[in-house]
Amino acid sequence: MSATAGLQAVVFDLDGVIVDSEGVWDRARREVVAQAGGRWQEHATERMMGMSAPEWSRYLRDELSVALPAQEINDRVIARLLAAYKQELPLLPGARDAVRRLAGVWRLGLASSANRRVIDAVLAASGLAACFAATVSAEEVAHGKPAPDVYLAAAERLGVEPAHAVAVEDSSNGLRAAAAAGMAVIAVPSRSHPPASDALALARLTADSLEQLTPEALAGVIAPAAQDSGGENVRNTV
């Protein structure tokens, strides 16, 4: 079996991998907290990274003192986010090319903490919807990242075993979630919120940019030798 034959699917994260969205999410949440008389906390942004919509909506309510129902908090934040995306979609450099390049070789999935409405809007506006055979929002599973639920659901919808898929992630909780699901992990580290060293150590491949995500680079991530030895994690950089 060749290394390429071992890899059957590639699963992308959305925020921080395809769209440069963390700042947009942060502004939308801060505005809702301020308008509702809540109190923003120093590490709130980092703590919400990877949370599903129900989880971060409850966090704004319970931890940041936003005196609104969780669903209304969610709706207000998403309305602001989508309005910002309608003005300008902040695609990361090389995102379109990377997705289209890999879609020409493998089935693609998307496993995102973003709401379903946000996922669908981004993929439609970017012209990338047809590239993905399966997409999953964390609001559609029991637990957000770092739990593996969203990646396990993506693998199931793609019809592949997690051990035959790689995940492309930028954040600590995303890297942990994909690794916990049993996928090989490719890190494209966030510059604004770099992953913790223990999370980055889970990656079998670390890339500085999306331009480096080529079929040749990914083909060796799941190698027959690694599969035969129980998926030993061998780290590389490109």
Foldseek 3Di string as FASTA:
>chain_A
DFLQVLAAEEEEEPDLAFFVCLVQLVVLLVVQLVVQVWADDDCLSVVCVFFALLVNLVCCVPVRVRVDPSVVSSVSSVVSSVVVVVVPTGTDPPNVVLLVQVLVRHAYEYQYSYDPVVVVSNCVVVVNPVSHQYYFHQVVFDTTFPAQTSVLVRCVSVVHQQCNYEYEDAEQRVLNNSVNSNHAYEYCHRPVHGYDPVSVVSHQEYEPHSVPNHCVVPSNSRGPVCVVVPNDRHHDYD
